[in-house]
């Protein structure tokens, strides 16, 4: 049996009892190590689970999945995912591969950023399509996702923005030369995402377009959701470009129009102080 097990969002103890029981009896246990991170490292997880973990990077999961599925038809193999197993399409692909090989699978769900964002007080059923904001480069500065934000806002829906993570990435030079040398991990912050969004707003104005989002649009920044030092900040997009929410992982919400009074009251609990460069108080 192949088990896909969600680990939740905080630390080693966020795994479900059912998930932990399965991990402890599996022959091999893989830890997916590229779509998200916990607040603790592999060693802490190994100590709590009582099992050695095999790190599975993007290359192994997407190109060498057969290694993970090897003997899963005659023994139990666990594939651990931060958040919920279906938070990334890669994991659906792993299930499809297993099914084609005649391997049974079972999913153990857990909390995901997709539902945990409700902690800020915005109502989950009022969220529209989720988007990803990637790190810009000198030659690649995509803006197409902004159309989805516009559509969500027109429909009165909030937009959850998942911010880029770069783990085990190669520089262009090393990629071309085939050298297995990797760049240090990078995690996009609320500030970086907001600054890119503000630049898109300016670009649209220069093209004579009316941007769906402005510097004064109400947004919510979230950091390390599910952890003990979780932080939330509510303010304008302009304020998001300078507010300090600490270390990763960060997520950003662009609110929709016509917010419910209860949503506004909840967001008031997390309003950014007048000096938006100050750290937001911990919850």
Protein backbone atom coordinates (compact mmCIF):
# COMPACT_ATOMS: atom_id res chain seq x y z
CA UNK A 1 0.00 0.00 0.00
CA UNK A 2 1.13 3.54 -0.77
CA UNK A 3 0.12 5.99 1.95
CA UNK A 4 0.04 9.73 1.29
CA UNK A 5 0.05 11.38 4.70
CA UNK A 6 -0.52 15.07 5.46
CA UNK A 7 1.68 16.54 8.19
CA UNK A 8 -0.28 19.73 8.88
CA UNK A 9 1.31 23.15 9.03
CA UNK A 10 3.19 23.59 12.30
CA UNK A 11 5.64 21.07 13.73
CA UNK A 12 6.19 17.35 14.25
CA UNK A 13 3.14 17.00 16.52
CA UNK A 14 0.67 18.17 13.86
CA UNK A 15 0.54 14.74 12.22
CA UNK A 16 -2.71 12.89 13.00
CA UNK A 17 -2.72 9.90 15.34
CA UNK A 18 -3.80 7.73 12.39
CA UNK A 19 -0.97 9.09 10.24
CA UNK A 20 1.62 8.51 12.97
CA UNK A 21 0.53 4.91 13.46
CA UNK A 22 0.94 4.26 9.74
CA UNK A 23 4.37 5.95 9.57
CA UNK A 24 5.69 3.76 12.37
CA UNK A 25 4.76 0.54 10.58
CA UNK A 26 5.83 1.38 7.00
CA UNK A 27 8.92 -0.18 5.48
CA UNK A 28 10.03 3.09 3.85
CA UNK A 29 9.02 6.65 4.71
CA UNK A 30 9.62 9.53 2.28
CA UNK A 31 9.41 13.22 3.16
CA UNK A 32 8.42 15.49 0.27
CA UNK A 33 10.82 18.39 0.51
CA UNK A 34 9.98 21.03 -2.09
CA UNK A 35 6.37 22.29 -2.10
CA UNK A 36 6.37 23.51 1.52
CA UNK A 37 8.25 23.35 4.84
CA UNK A 38 7.46 22.86 8.52
CA UNK A 39 8.94 24.97 11.31
CA UNK A 40 11.16 22.05 12.32
CA UNK A 41 13.75 20.05 10.42
CA UNK A 42 14.00 16.43 9.28
CA UNK A 43 15.90 15.36 12.40
CA UNK A 44 13.13 16.57 14.72
CA UNK A 45 10.53 14.69 12.68
CA UNK A 46 12.63 11.52 12.77
CA UNK A 47 12.96 11.71 16.53
CA UNK A 48 9.22 12.19 17.07
CA UNK A 49 8.11 9.60 14.51
CA UNK A 50 10.74 7.08 15.58
CA UNK A 51 11.62 6.47 11.92
CA UNK A 52 14.32 7.45 9.47
CA UNK A 53 13.01 9.66 6.66
CA UNK A 54 14.13 9.68 3.02
CA UNK A 55 14.09 13.18 1.53
CA UNK A 56 12.28 13.31 -1.81
CA UNK A 57 13.06 16.38 -3.89
CA UNK A 58 11.17 17.59 -6.96
CA UNK A 59 13.41 15.71 -9.39
CA UNK A 60 12.89 12.37 -7.65
CA UNK A 61 9.12 12.76 -7.24
CA UNK A 62 8.45 14.02 -10.77
CA UNK A 63 11.05 12.08 -12.75
CA UNK A 64 11.99 9.06 -10.68
CA UNK A 65 8.68 8.20 -8.96
CA UNK A 66 9.24 4.50 -9.67
CA UNK A 67 11.92 4.51 -6.95
CA UNK A 68 9.32 5.67 -4.42
CA UNK A 69 6.75 3.13 -5.62
CA UNK A 70 9.21 0.21 -5.70
CA UNK A 71 7.78 -2.81 -3.81
CA UNK A 72 4.77 -0.77 -2.64
CA UNK A 73 2.60 -3.59 -4.00
CA UNK A 74 4.04 -6.02 -1.44
CA UNK A 75 4.95 -3.68 1.44
CA UNK A 76 3.81 -0.40 2.99
CA UNK A 77 5.42 2.86 1.79
CA UNK A 78 4.59 6.29 3.24
CA UNK A 79 4.92 9.60 1.42
CA UNK A 80 4.74 12.54 3.82
CA UNK A 81 3.52 15.94 2.65
CA UNK A 82 3.51 19.22 4.58
CA UNK A 83 -0.10 20.41 4.82
CA UNK A 84 -2.51 18.12 2.97
CA UNK A 85 -1.44 15.58 0.33
CA UNK A 86 -3.57 17.23 -2.35
CA UNK A 87 -2.12 20.71 -1.87
CA UNK A 88 0.08 20.14 -4.97
CA UNK A 89 -0.76 18.50 -8.30
CA UNK A 90 2.49 16.51 -8.14
CA UNK A 91 0.91 14.24 -5.58
CA UNK A 92 -2.06 13.44 -7.80
CA UNK A 93 0.46 12.32 -10.40
CA UNK A 94 2.04 9.96 -7.89
CA UNK A 95 -1.36 8.35 -7.26
CA UNK A 96 -1.97 7.95 -10.99
CA UNK A 97 1.41 6.27 -11.41
CA UNK A 98 0.70 3.93 -8.50
CA UNK A 99 -2.72 2.99 -9.91
CA UNK A 100 -1.23 2.14 -13.30
CA UNK A 101 1.22 -0.19 -11.55
CA UNK A 102 -1.60 -1.90 -9.67
CA UNK A 103 -0.56 -0.43 -6.32
CA UNK A 104 -3.31 0.43 -3.82
CA UNK A 105 -3.17 3.79 -2.09
CA UNK A 106 -4.71 5.55 0.88
CA UNK A 107 -4.74 9.25 1.79
CA UNK A 108 -4.54 10.58 5.36
CA UNK A 109 -5.67 14.22 5.26
CA UNK A 110 -4.53 17.12 7.43
CA UNK A 111 -4.79 20.90 7.72
CA UNK A 112 -3.68 22.89 4.67
CA UNK A 113 -3.06 26.58 4.04
CA UNK A 114 -6.12 26.36 1.78
CA UNK A 115 -8.41 26.08 4.79
CA UNK A 116 -6.22 27.38 7.62
CA UNK A 117 -6.32 30.90 6.14
CA UNK A 118 -9.71 31.15 7.83
CA UNK A 119 -7.75 32.04 10.97
CA UNK A 120 -7.68 35.68 9.84
CA UNK A 121 -11.47 35.89 9.96
CA UNK A 122 -12.25 35.94 6.25
CA UNK A 123 -14.99 33.46 5.35
CA UNK A 124 -13.66 30.49 3.40
CA UNK A 125 -16.64 30.21 1.07
CA UNK A 126 -15.91 33.75 -0.16
CA UNK A 127 -12.52 32.82 -1.65
CA UNK A 128 -12.15 32.65 -5.41
CA UNK A 129 -9.41 31.04 -7.49
CA UNK A 130 -6.06 30.70 -5.71
CA UNK A 131 -2.99 32.12 -7.46
CA UNK A 132 0.78 31.71 -7.16
CA UNK A 133 3.19 34.65 -7.14
CA UNK A 134 6.65 33.70 -8.39
CA UNK A 135 10.01 35.39 -7.96
CA UNK A 136 10.67 37.75 -10.84
CA UNK A 137 13.97 37.68 -12.69
CA UNK A 138 15.64 40.25 -14.93
CA UNK A 139 14.12 38.59 -18.00
CA UNK A 140 10.90 37.02 -16.68
CA UNK A 141 8.30 39.19 -14.94
CA UNK A 142 4.89 37.53 -15.43
CA UNK A 143 1.69 39.49 -14.79
CA UNK A 144 -0.93 37.17 -16.27
CA UNK A 145 -2.11 35.93 -12.86
CA UNK A 146 -3.40 39.45 -12.17
CA UNK A 147 -6.39 38.73 -14.42
CA UNK A 148 -7.53 36.10 -11.92
CA UNK A 149 -7.30 38.61 -9.08
CA UNK A 150 -9.42 41.02 -11.12
CA UNK A 151 -12.04 38.34 -11.79
CA UNK A 152 -12.17 37.37 -8.12
CA UNK A 153 -12.62 40.96 -7.00
CA UNK A 154 -15.34 41.58 -9.60
CA UNK A 155 -17.19 38.62 -8.09
CA UNK A 156 -16.68 39.87 -4.53
CA UNK A 157 -14.26 37.02 -3.78
CA UNK A 158 -11.00 37.03 -1.84
CA UNK A 159 -7.78 35.83 -3.51
CA UNK A 160 -5.32 33.60 -1.68
CA UNK A 161 -1.81 34.17 -3.05
CA UNK A 162 0.67 31.35 -2.50
CA UNK A 163 4.19 32.77 -2.48
CA UNK A 164 7.14 31.24 -4.29
CA UNK A 165 9.52 28.73 -2.73
CA UNK A 166 12.89 27.95 -4.30
CA UNK A 167 14.44 24.77 -2.90
CA UNK A 168 17.30 22.89 -4.57
CA UNK A 169 17.23 25.20 -7.59
CA UNK A 170 20.15 25.48 -10.00
CA UNK A 171 21.52 28.66 -11.49
CA UNK A 172 21.17 28.97 -15.27
CA UNK A 173 24.92 28.48 -15.68
CA UNK A 174 25.01 25.30 -13.60
CA UNK A 175 21.89 24.00 -15.33
CA UNK A 176 23.42 24.51 -18.79
CA UNK A 177 26.70 22.88 -17.76
CA UNK A 178 24.92 19.98 -16.05
CA UNK A 179 26.54 20.66 -12.69
CA UNK A 180 24.61 19.41 -9.65
CA UNK A 181 25.28 22.62 -7.72
CA UNK A 182 22.26 24.18 -6.05
CA UNK A 183 21.38 27.68 -4.90
CA UNK A 184 20.51 28.40 -1.23
CA UNK A 185 16.78 28.05 -0.43
CA UNK A 186 14.64 31.16 -0.94
CA UNK A 187 11.17 31.87 0.38
CA UNK A 188 9.16 34.82 -0.92
CA UNK A 189 8.06 37.25 1.78
CA UNK A 190 4.90 39.33 2.02
CA UNK A 191 7.06 42.40 1.29
CA UNK A 192 8.44 40.98 -1.96
CA UNK A 193 5.02 39.85 -3.15
CA UNK A 194 3.46 43.24 -2.38
CA UNK A 195 6.28 45.12 -4.13
CA UNK A 196 5.79 43.04 -7.28
CA UNK A 197 2.03 43.61 -7.15
CA UNK A 198 2.54 47.35 -6.74
CA UNK A 199 4.77 47.35 -9.81
CA UNK A 200 2.07 45.55 -11.81
CA UNK A 201 -0.44 48.19 -10.70
CA UNK A 202 1.89 50.93 -11.98
CA UNK A 203 2.49 49.06 -15.25
CA UNK A 204 -1.25 48.80 -15.87
CA UNK A 205 -1.74 52.51 -15.24
CA UNK A 206 1.06 53.32 -17.69
CA UNK A 207 -0.77 51.23 -20.29
CA UNK A 208 -3.94 53.22 -19.67
CA UNK A 209 -5.67 50.36 -17.87
CA UNK A 210 -7.70 50.62 -14.68
CA UNK A 211 -6.10 48.19 -12.19
CA UNK A 212 -8.42 45.97 -10.17
CA UNK A 213 -6.09 46.43 -7.19
CA UNK A 214 -4.56 49.67 -5.93
CA UNK A 215 -2.13 50.72 -3.22
CA UNK A 216 -5.13 51.14 -0.89
CA UNK A 217 -6.68 47.70 -1.45
CA UNK A 218 -7.17 45.85 1.83
CA UNK A 219 -4.90 42.82 2.13
CA UNK A 220 -3.98 40.28 4.78
CA UNK A 221 -0.50 38.92 5.38
CA UNK A 222 -0.03 35.59 7.14
CA UNK A 223 3.19 34.02 8.36
CA UNK A 224 3.88 30.50 9.69
CA UNK A 225 0.18 29.62 9.88
CA UNK A 226 -0.37 26.80 12.36
CA UNK A 227 2.86 27.42 14.28
CA UNK A 228 3.07 28.83 17.80
CA UNK A 229 4.59 32.07 16.48
CA UNK A 230 1.95 32.51 13.75
CA UNK A 231 1.45 36.14 12.74
CA UNK A 232 -1.34 37.93 10.89
CA UNK A 233 -1.43 41.52 9.63
CA UNK A 234 -4.26 43.37 7.92
CA UNK A 235 -3.67 46.59 6.01
CA UNK A 236 -3.32 48.15 2.60
CA UNK A 237 -1.23 46.64 -0.18
CA UNK A 238 1.18 49.54 0.31
CA UNK A 239 1.56 48.64 3.99
CA UNK A 240 2.19 45.02 3.07
CA UNK A 241 5.33 46.10 1.22
CA UNK A 242 6.99 47.13 4.49
CA UNK A 243 5.36 45.18 7.36
CA UNK A 244 7.66 42.74 9.18
CA UNK A 245 6.16 39.28 9.69
CA UNK A 246 9.40 37.42 10.36
CA UNK A 247 10.55 34.15 8.83
CA UNK A 248 8.83 31.89 6.28
CA UNK A 249 6.41 30.65 5.14
CA UNK A 250 4.28 33.65 4.12
CA UNK A 251 0.92 33.88 2.34
CA UNK A 252 -1.00 36.93 1.10
CA UNK A 253 -4.73 37.51 0.74
CA UNK A 254 -6.18 40.23 -1.50
CA UNK A 255 -9.67 40.89 -0.20
CA UNK A 256 -12.75 41.11 -2.39
CA UNK A 257 -15.34 43.88 -2.44
CA UNK A 258 -18.48 43.90 -0.29
CA UNK A 259 -16.95 42.30 2.78
CA UNK A 260 -19.23 41.04 5.55
CA UNK A 261 -19.24 43.19 8.73
CA UNK A 262 -18.06 40.17 10.73
CA UNK A 263 -15.06 39.82 8.41
CA UNK A 264 -14.18 43.50 8.90
CA UNK A 265 -14.50 43.16 12.68
CA UNK A 266 -12.19 40.15 12.69
CA UNK A 267 -9.60 41.87 10.50
CA UNK A 268 -9.58 44.82 12.90
CA UNK A 269 -7.92 42.49 15.41
CA UNK A 270 -4.89 42.32 13.13
CA UNK A 271 -4.65 45.93 11.89
CA UNK A 272 -1.12 47.11 11.16
CA UNK A 273 0.09 49.85 13.55
CA UNK A 274 0.52 53.36 12.17
CA UNK A 275 4.24 52.70 11.74
CA UNK A 276 3.88 49.83 9.25
CA UNK A 277 7.59 48.96 9.43
CA UNK A 278 7.12 47.74 13.01
CA UNK A 279 6.76 44.04 13.71
CA UNK A 280 3.20 42.89 14.20
CA UNK A 281 2.46 41.59 17.69
CA UNK A 282 2.26 37.81 17.96
CA UNK A 283 -1.20 36.29 18.39
